[in-house]
Protein backbone atom coordinates (compact mmCIF):
# COMPACT_ATOMS: atom_id res chain seq x y z
CA UNK A 1 15.40 112.51 -106.39
CA UNK A 2 14.69 108.95 -105.42
CA UNK A 3 15.26 109.73 -101.77
CA UNK A 4 12.71 112.50 -101.98
CA UNK A 5 10.16 110.21 -103.59
CA UNK A 6 10.85 107.54 -101.01
CA UNK A 7 10.39 110.00 -98.15
CA UNK A 8 7.14 111.34 -99.67
CA UNK A 9 5.79 107.81 -100.04
CA UNK A 10 6.75 106.99 -96.44
CA UNK A 11 4.95 110.07 -95.17
CA UNK A 12 1.82 109.21 -97.15
CA UNK A 13 1.82 105.64 -95.82
CA UNK A 14 2.12 107.00 -92.28
CA UNK A 15 -0.79 109.35 -92.84
CA UNK A 16 -2.93 106.56 -94.19
CA UNK A 17 -2.13 104.41 -91.18
CA UNK A 18 -3.12 107.25 -88.87
CA UNK A 19 -6.37 107.92 -90.69
CA UNK A 20 -7.62 104.33 -90.83
CA UNK A 21 -7.97 103.84 -87.04
CA UNK A 22 -9.65 107.27 -86.78
CA UNK A 23 -12.29 106.24 -89.27
CA UNK A 24 -12.85 103.03 -87.40
CA UNK A 25 -13.16 104.86 -84.09
CA UNK A 26 -15.52 107.38 -85.66
CA UNK A 27 -17.72 104.68 -87.17
CA UNK A 28 -17.69 102.79 -83.88
CA UNK A 29 -18.76 105.91 -81.96
CA UNK A 30 -21.64 106.53 -84.39
CA UNK A 31 -22.79 102.93 -84.00
CA UNK A 32 -22.72 103.25 -80.20
CA UNK A 33 -24.78 106.46 -80.34
CA UNK A 34 -27.35 104.81 -82.61
CA UNK A 35 -27.56 101.80 -80.30
CA UNK A 36 -28.06 104.04 -77.25
CA UNK A 37 -30.75 106.03 -79.10
CA UNK A 38 -32.68 102.90 -80.11
CA UNK A 39 -32.33 101.46 -76.62
CA UNK A 40 -33.61 104.66 -74.96
CA UNK A 41 -36.48 104.92 -77.41
CA UNK A 42 -37.45 101.32 -76.73
CA UNK A 43 -37.30 101.87 -72.94
CA UNK A 44 -39.43 105.01 -73.23
CA UNK A 45 -42.06 103.28 -75.32
CA UNK A 46 -42.15 100.30 -72.98
CA UNK A 47 -42.63 102.55 -69.95
CA UNK A 48 -45.30 104.78 -71.55
CA UNK A 49 -47.11 102.18 -73.62
CA UNK A 50 -50.88 102.14 -73.09
CA UNK A 51 -53.40 100.54 -75.42
CA UNK A 52 -55.92 103.30 -74.56
CA UNK A 53 -53.59 106.15 -75.48
CA UNK A 54 -54.78 108.32 -78.36
CA UNK A 55 -54.49 111.89 -79.55
CA UNK A 56 -56.91 113.22 -76.93
CA UNK A 57 -54.89 111.68 -74.10
CA UNK A 58 -51.68 113.20 -75.46
CA UNK A 59 -53.30 116.65 -75.75
CA UNK A 60 -54.68 116.40 -72.22
CA UNK A 61 -51.23 115.50 -70.94
CA UNK A 62 -49.63 118.42 -72.76
CA UNK A 63 -52.23 120.87 -71.46
CA UNK A 64 -52.09 119.58 -67.89
CA UNK A 65 -49.76 122.44 -66.77
CA UNK A 66 -52.19 124.94 -68.33
CA UNK A 67 -55.11 123.36 -66.47
CA UNK A 68 -53.15 123.48 -63.22
CA UNK A 69 -52.38 127.18 -63.75
CA UNK A 70 -56.00 128.03 -64.58
CA UNK A 71 -57.30 126.14 -61.55
CA UNK A 72 -54.98 127.91 -59.13
CA UNK A 73 -55.46 131.35 -60.71
CA UNK A 74 -59.24 130.91 -60.60
CA UNK A 75 -59.09 129.85 -56.96
CA UNK A 76 -57.15 132.94 -55.89
CA UNK A 77 -58.91 135.40 -58.21
CA UNK A 78 -62.31 134.28 -56.94
CA UNK A 79 -61.95 136.69 -54.02
CA UNK A 80 -61.18 139.51 -56.47
CA UNK A 81 -64.24 138.66 -58.58
CA UNK A 82 -66.52 138.63 -55.53
CA UNK A 83 -65.15 142.00 -54.41
CA UNK A 84 -65.68 143.33 -57.94
CA UNK A 85 -69.33 142.24 -57.94
CA UNK A 86 -69.90 143.91 -54.57
CA UNK A 87 -68.17 147.14 -55.62
CA UNK A 88 -69.98 147.45 -58.96
CA UNK A 89 -73.38 146.64 -57.47
CA UNK A 90 -72.81 149.09 -54.61
CA UNK A 91 -71.80 151.83 -57.05
CA UNK A 92 -75.02 151.37 -59.04
CA UNK A 93 -77.13 151.44 -55.86
CA UNK A 94 -75.32 154.58 -54.66
CA UNK A 95 -75.92 156.36 -58.00
CA UNK A 96 -79.62 155.45 -57.89
CA UNK A 97 -80.04 156.76 -54.34
CA UNK A 98 -77.91 159.89 -54.71
CA UNK A 99 -78.63 160.97 -58.29
CA UNK A 100 -81.80 159.35 -59.60
CA UNK A 101 -84.07 158.93 -56.58
CA UNK A 102 -84.32 162.69 -55.80
CA UNK A 103 -85.13 163.32 -59.46
CA UNK A 104 -87.84 160.63 -59.39
CA UNK A 105 -89.41 162.06 -56.24
CA UNK A 106 -89.64 165.56 -57.77
CA UNK A 107 -90.81 164.70 -61.30
CA UNK A 108 -92.85 161.48 -61.19
CA UNK A 109 -96.48 161.06 -60.17
CA UNK A 110 -97.25 159.44 -56.77
CA UNK A 111 -98.35 156.21 -58.45
CA UNK A 112 -95.09 155.85 -60.36
CA UNK A 113 -93.09 156.81 -57.28
CA UNK A 114 -94.73 154.04 -55.23
CA UNK A 115 -94.18 151.52 -58.00
CA UNK A 116 -90.49 152.41 -58.43
CA UNK A 117 -89.86 152.34 -54.69
CA UNK A 118 -91.63 149.00 -54.21
CA UNK A 119 -90.17 147.18 -57.20
CA UNK A 120 -86.67 148.64 -56.88
CA UNK A 121 -86.28 147.73 -53.20
CA UNK A 122 -87.83 144.27 -53.68
CA UNK A 123 -85.43 143.53 -56.55
CA UNK A 124 -82.47 144.80 -54.54
CA UNK A 125 -83.37 142.62 -51.54
CA UNK A 126 -83.68 139.53 -53.75
CA UNK A 127 -80.29 140.21 -55.38
CA UNK A 128 -78.47 140.71 -52.08
CA UNK A 129 -80.12 137.72 -50.39
CA UNK A 130 -79.48 135.21 -53.16
CA UNK A 131 -75.92 136.37 -53.80
CA UNK A 132 -75.05 136.12 -50.11
CA UNK A 133 -76.59 132.65 -49.90
CA UNK A 134 -74.87 131.50 -53.11
CA UNK A 135 -71.37 132.43 -51.91
CA UNK A 136 -71.82 131.23 -48.30
CA UNK A 137 -73.79 128.00 -48.82
CA UNK A 138 -71.76 124.87 -49.40
CA UNK A 139 -72.76 123.06 -52.62
CA UNK A 140 -72.65 119.73 -50.78
CA UNK A 141 -69.97 117.06 -50.64
CA UNK A 142 -70.30 113.27 -50.37
CA UNK A 143 -69.28 111.62 -47.09
CA UNK A 144 -65.84 110.08 -46.95
CA UNK A 145 -66.97 106.84 -45.28
CA UNK A 146 -67.63 104.14 -47.87
CA UNK A 147 -70.17 102.39 -45.65
CA UNK A 148 -72.56 105.33 -45.88
CA UNK A 149 -73.10 104.93 -49.64
CA UNK A 150 -74.15 101.99 -51.75
CA UNK A 151 -74.20 101.41 -55.47
CA UNK A 152 -71.78 104.21 -56.33
CA UNK A 153 -68.47 104.67 -58.13
CA UNK A 154 -65.12 105.84 -56.86
CA UNK A 155 -63.66 109.20 -57.84
CA UNK A 156 -60.37 108.71 -59.67
CA UNK A 157 -58.87 111.94 -58.29
CA UNK A 158 -59.79 112.00 -54.61
CA UNK A 159 -60.25 108.18 -54.30
CA UNK A 160 -63.55 108.58 -52.44
CA UNK A 161 -67.15 107.38 -52.94
CA UNK A 162 -68.95 109.32 -55.67
CA UNK A 163 -72.78 109.22 -55.78
CA UNK A 164 -74.82 109.73 -58.92
CA UNK A 165 -74.64 113.21 -60.49
CA UNK A 166 -71.50 113.96 -58.42
CA UNK A 167 -68.37 115.29 -60.11
CA UNK A 168 -64.91 116.31 -58.99
CA UNK A 169 -64.02 120.02 -58.98
CA UNK A 170 -60.34 120.52 -59.77
CA UNK A 171 -60.41 124.06 -58.34
CA UNK A 172 -61.95 123.12 -54.99
CA UNK A 173 -60.15 119.74 -55.15
CA UNK A 174 -63.29 118.00 -53.84
CA UNK A 175 -66.27 116.09 -55.19
CA UNK A 176 -69.45 118.18 -55.39
CA UNK A 177 -73.00 116.82 -55.23
CA UNK A 178 -74.95 117.53 -58.43
CA UNK A 179 -72.17 119.77 -59.64
CA UNK A 180 -73.06 122.30 -62.33
CA UNK A 181 -69.83 124.31 -62.58
CA UNK A 182 -67.34 126.32 -60.54
CA UNK A 183 -68.31 129.99 -60.63
CA UNK A 184 -65.42 132.46 -60.10
CA UNK A 185 -67.92 135.29 -59.49
CA UNK A 186 -69.13 133.36 -56.44
CA UNK A 187 -65.73 131.91 -55.53
CA UNK A 188 -67.71 128.73 -54.93
CA UNK A 189 -68.96 125.66 -56.74
CA UNK A 190 -72.57 125.57 -57.92
CA UNK A 191 -74.02 122.30 -56.68
CA UNK A 192 -76.98 120.63 -55.03
CA UNK A 193 -77.52 123.04 -52.13
CA UNK A 194 -76.80 126.40 -53.77
CA UNK A 195 -77.88 125.86 -57.39
CA UNK A 196 -81.22 127.60 -56.75
CA UNK A 197 -79.49 130.57 -55.11
CA UNK A 198 -77.13 130.94 -58.08
CA UNK A 199 -79.90 130.87 -60.68
CA UNK A 200 -82.13 133.21 -58.65
CA UNK A 201 -79.26 135.69 -58.31
CA UNK A 202 -78.68 135.63 -62.08
CA UNK A 203 -82.39 136.05 -62.74
CA UNK A 204 -82.98 138.95 -60.35
CA UNK A 205 -79.73 140.68 -61.29
CA UNK A 206 -80.78 140.53 -64.95
CA UNK A 207 -84.21 141.88 -64.07
CA UNK A 208 -82.66 144.70 -62.05
CA UNK A 209 -80.29 145.67 -64.86
CA UNK A 210 -83.10 145.64 -67.42
CA UNK A 211 -85.20 147.77 -65.05
CA UNK A 212 -82.40 150.33 -64.68
CA UNK A 213 -81.69 150.38 -68.42
CA UNK A 214 -85.32 150.96 -69.41
CA UNK A 215 -86.07 153.44 -66.63
CA UNK A 216 -82.90 155.44 -67.22
CA UNK A 217 -83.01 155.54 -71.03
CA UNK A 218 -84.29 159.12 -71.25
CA UNK A 219 -81.91 160.25 -68.51
CA UNK A 220 -79.05 158.57 -70.36
CA UNK A 221 -79.85 160.41 -73.60
CA UNK A 222 -80.01 163.76 -71.80
CA UNK A 223 -76.82 163.07 -69.86
CA UNK A 224 -74.95 161.93 -72.97
CA UNK A 225 -76.06 165.06 -74.86
CA UNK A 226 -74.99 167.20 -71.90
CA UNK A 227 -71.53 165.59 -71.83
CA UNK A 228 -71.10 166.24 -75.57
CA UNK A 229 -72.17 169.85 -75.02
CA UNK A 230 -69.66 170.15 -72.17
CA UNK A 231 -66.88 168.91 -74.44
CA UNK A 232 -67.83 171.39 -77.14
CA UNK A 233 -67.97 174.33 -74.73
CA UNK A 234 -64.67 173.33 -73.19
CA UNK A 235 -63.11 173.29 -76.66
CA UNK A 236 -64.52 176.78 -77.37
CA UNK A 237 -63.22 178.08 -74.04
CA UNK A 238 -59.72 176.84 -74.85
CA UNK A 239 -59.88 178.51 -78.28
CA UNK A 240 -60.95 181.78 -76.69
CA UNK A 241 -58.11 181.59 -74.20
CA UNK A 242 -55.63 180.87 -76.99
CA UNK A 243 -56.80 183.85 -79.07
CA UNK A 244 -56.71 186.10 -75.97
CA UNK A 245 -59.95 187.82 -76.92
CA UNK A 246 -60.87 188.97 -73.44
CA UNK A 247 -63.62 191.28 -74.71
CA UNK A 248 -65.68 188.22 -75.69
CA UNK A 249 -68.07 186.65 -73.20
CA UNK A 250 -66.58 183.28 -72.07
CA UNK A 251 -68.86 180.26 -72.44
CA UNK A 252 -70.52 178.90 -69.28
CA UNK A 253 -68.57 176.32 -67.27
CA UNK A 254 -70.34 173.30 -65.82
CA UNK A 255 -69.86 172.69 -62.14
CA UNK A 256 -68.25 169.57 -60.74
CA UNK A 257 -71.61 168.37 -59.41
CA UNK A 258 -73.22 168.63 -62.84
CA UNK A 259 -70.34 166.78 -64.49
CA UNK A 260 -70.46 164.02 -61.88
CA UNK A 261 -74.23 163.67 -62.26
CA UNK A 262 -74.19 163.27 -66.03
CA UNK A 263 -71.22 160.89 -66.05
CA UNK A 264 -72.78 158.79 -63.30
CA UNK A 265 -75.99 158.39 -65.30
CA UNK A 266 -74.02 157.33 -68.40
CA UNK A 267 -71.95 154.90 -66.30
CA UNK A 268 -75.10 153.40 -64.77
CA UNK A 269 -76.84 152.85 -68.10
CA UNK A 270 -73.81 151.42 -69.91
CA UNK A 271 -72.92 149.04 -67.08
CA UNK A 272 -76.51 147.86 -66.53
CA UNK A 273 -77.11 147.32 -70.24
CA UNK A 274 -73.89 145.33 -70.65
CA UNK A 275 -74.58 143.15 -67.61
CA UNK A 276 -78.19 142.63 -68.73
CA UNK A 277 -77.04 141.27 -72.11
CA UNK A 278 -74.26 139.02 -70.79
CA UNK A 279 -75.98 137.78 -67.65
CA UNK A 280 -79.32 137.50 -69.45
CA UNK A 281 -77.82 135.08 -71.97
CA UNK A 282 -76.33 133.01 -69.13
CA UNK A 283 -79.69 133.00 -67.32
CA UNK A 284 -81.52 131.78 -70.42
CA UNK A 285 -78.94 129.03 -70.88
CA UNK A 286 -79.40 127.76 -67.33
CA UNK A 287 -83.17 128.07 -67.64
CA UNK A 288 -83.05 125.75 -70.64
CA UNK A 289 -80.93 123.28 -68.65
CA UNK A 290 -83.36 123.36 -65.72
CA UNK A 291 -86.26 122.77 -68.10
CA UNK A 292 -84.53 119.60 -69.34
CA UNK A 293 -83.63 118.51 -65.81
CA UNK A 294 -79.87 118.47 -66.28
CA UNK A 295 -76.78 120.43 -65.27
CA UNK A 296 -74.07 121.93 -67.47
CA UNK A 297 -71.86 118.87 -67.02
CA UNK A 298 -74.72 116.45 -67.56
CA UNK A 299 -75.64 118.15 -70.82
CA UNK A 300 -72.33 117.09 -72.40
CA UNK A 301 -72.57 113.59 -70.90
CA UNK A 302 -76.17 113.14 -72.05
CA UNK A 303 -75.33 114.44 -75.52
CA UNK A 304 -72.59 111.83 -75.99
CA UNK A 305 -74.81 109.09 -74.56
CA UNK A 306 -77.67 110.12 -76.83
CA UNK A 307 -75.41 109.92 -79.90
CA UNK A 308 -74.02 106.56 -78.82
CA UNK A 309 -77.45 105.01 -78.33
CA UNK A 310 -78.77 106.57 -81.51
CA UNK A 311 -76.26 104.55 -83.51
CA UNK A 312 -77.69 101.41 -81.89
CA UNK A 313 -81.26 102.37 -82.71
CA UNK A 314 -82.15 103.29 -79.13
CA UNK A 315 -83.49 106.45 -77.52
CA UNK A 316 -81.88 108.06 -74.49
CA UNK A 317 -84.12 109.51 -71.78
CA UNK A 318 -82.80 111.51 -68.86
CA UNK A 319 -83.65 109.62 -65.63
CA UNK A 320 -83.62 112.87 -63.64
CA UNK A 321 -86.10 114.73 -65.85
CA UNK A 322 -89.75 114.71 -64.73
CA UNK A 323 -91.15 116.97 -67.44
CA UNK A 324 -90.63 120.68 -68.00
CA UNK A 325 -93.13 121.95 -65.41
CA UNK A 326 -92.20 119.40 -62.75
CA UNK A 327 -88.51 120.06 -63.30
CA UNK A 328 -89.05 123.69 -62.34
CA UNK A 329 -91.13 122.73 -59.31
CA UNK A 330 -88.43 120.34 -58.12
CA UNK A 331 -85.67 122.89 -58.73
CA UNK A 332 -87.46 125.75 -56.95
CA UNK A 333 -88.83 123.53 -54.17
CA UNK A 334 -92.48 124.29 -54.91
CA UNK A 335 -94.63 121.63 -53.21
CA UNK A 336 -97.88 123.58 -52.83
CA UNK A 337 -99.23 126.61 -54.74
CA UNK A 338 -98.45 129.10 -51.93
CA UNK A 339 -94.76 128.23 -52.26
CA UNK A 340 -94.66 130.27 -55.48
CA UNK A 341 -95.02 133.32 -53.25
CA UNK A 342 -93.15 132.29 -50.12
CA UNK A 343 -90.28 130.42 -51.80
CA UNK A 344 -89.91 132.06 -55.21
CA UNK A 345 -91.06 135.69 -54.98
CA UNK A 346 -89.77 136.17 -51.43
CA UNK A 347 -86.37 135.32 -49.90
CA UNK A 348 -86.43 131.74 -48.66
CA UNK A 349 -83.58 129.57 -47.30
CA UNK A 350 -85.44 126.28 -47.79
CA UNK A 351 -83.39 123.21 -48.74
CA UNK A 352 -83.75 121.41 -52.09
CA UNK A 353 -85.42 118.03 -52.43
CA UNK A 354 -83.26 115.09 -51.40
CA UNK A 355 -79.79 114.91 -49.97
CA UNK A 356 -77.90 114.74 -53.26
CA UNK A 357 -76.79 111.16 -52.45
CA UNK A 358 -79.86 109.40 -53.86
CA UNK A 359 -82.58 110.59 -56.20
CA UNK A 360 -86.00 109.35 -55.21
CA UNK A 361 -89.16 110.69 -56.83
CA UNK A 362 -89.97 114.10 -55.25
CA UNK A 363 -93.45 114.50 -53.74
CA UNK A 364 -94.26 117.47 -55.99
CA UNK A 365 -93.94 115.37 -59.19
CA UNK A 366 -97.36 114.57 -60.58
CA UNK A 367 -96.45 111.39 -62.47
CA UNK A 368 -93.68 108.86 -62.74
CA UNK A 369 -90.95 109.84 -65.19
CA UNK A 370 -89.88 107.68 -68.11
CA UNK A 371 -87.22 105.03 -67.88
CA UNK A 372 -83.62 105.58 -68.79
CA UNK A 373 -83.62 103.75 -72.12
CA UNK A 374 -86.34 103.10 -74.62
CA UNK A 375 -86.10 101.00 -77.75
């Protein structure tokens, strides 16, 4: 009995001796892991520490891959968007010439025929001209030589001279003079040299869509009613065929030409009305910006600057705004009254005022604009 107790006690002492070093090793391993974790955390903070870092910087860093993806997708899909604009516009023009124009020539009076032919072709020419010029004209880029520019800043992305009103386009990967935005429907930036072409295209495309929607309203109602009648007659024809009542007179069947005509009219009206609403809102937005003498990017910059100066009791005034009327004259390049006809109502490839590198007072401005700041 004693020998058994002695053996049991010896075994227990051996187990305790074996467990004590294991605990020490385990505690030592945990301490080493904690030390490595604190050391790595300290190294990471020391490498990434920046006194200007805040929540916005962290979010921008996290979304940087998303921005990269959007920039590259927009760059490649620009060609698809341009092709889509050409295809949709060509389909509307084809429907007008094939379906609607013969109907207009047979039903309208000579006065209305002349008006539709004159206005429709003028609007079409203006749309095609300004869209072609908007996608083929370079928006303008600053020169790379630093000696050519004075009193400017340096772009942080392309490390090149950046004149006033110039911004870097991440999609084109270049600085653009008087940049407004990058338009995927043009596959091009909207800047100093093609801003007028872009706005004119939006304006005349909206006018053309409104013209088609108003002129084709009655035709759309008739075509929609005819399509509903076709569906109803087709349903009746299928019921007759299912009941096998051959003694009954089958309902009339519309020809393929009639179906295509009615569906084309509905397609034309729906597409033109949708584009008129969407593009009309965009046109009004840019018209308001032009009236204030600023671009889309400058609107956000000026808004922040206006709020900052307002807290200090000062008033911000846009140095590139010459008044509503003069802003439009500068934007459209109207120097004399006849330019409203030759440069606005007719296709004109004239260049805008200035080079986009400096902003002197244009000759068409009637009076000197206000200073930048006013107490």
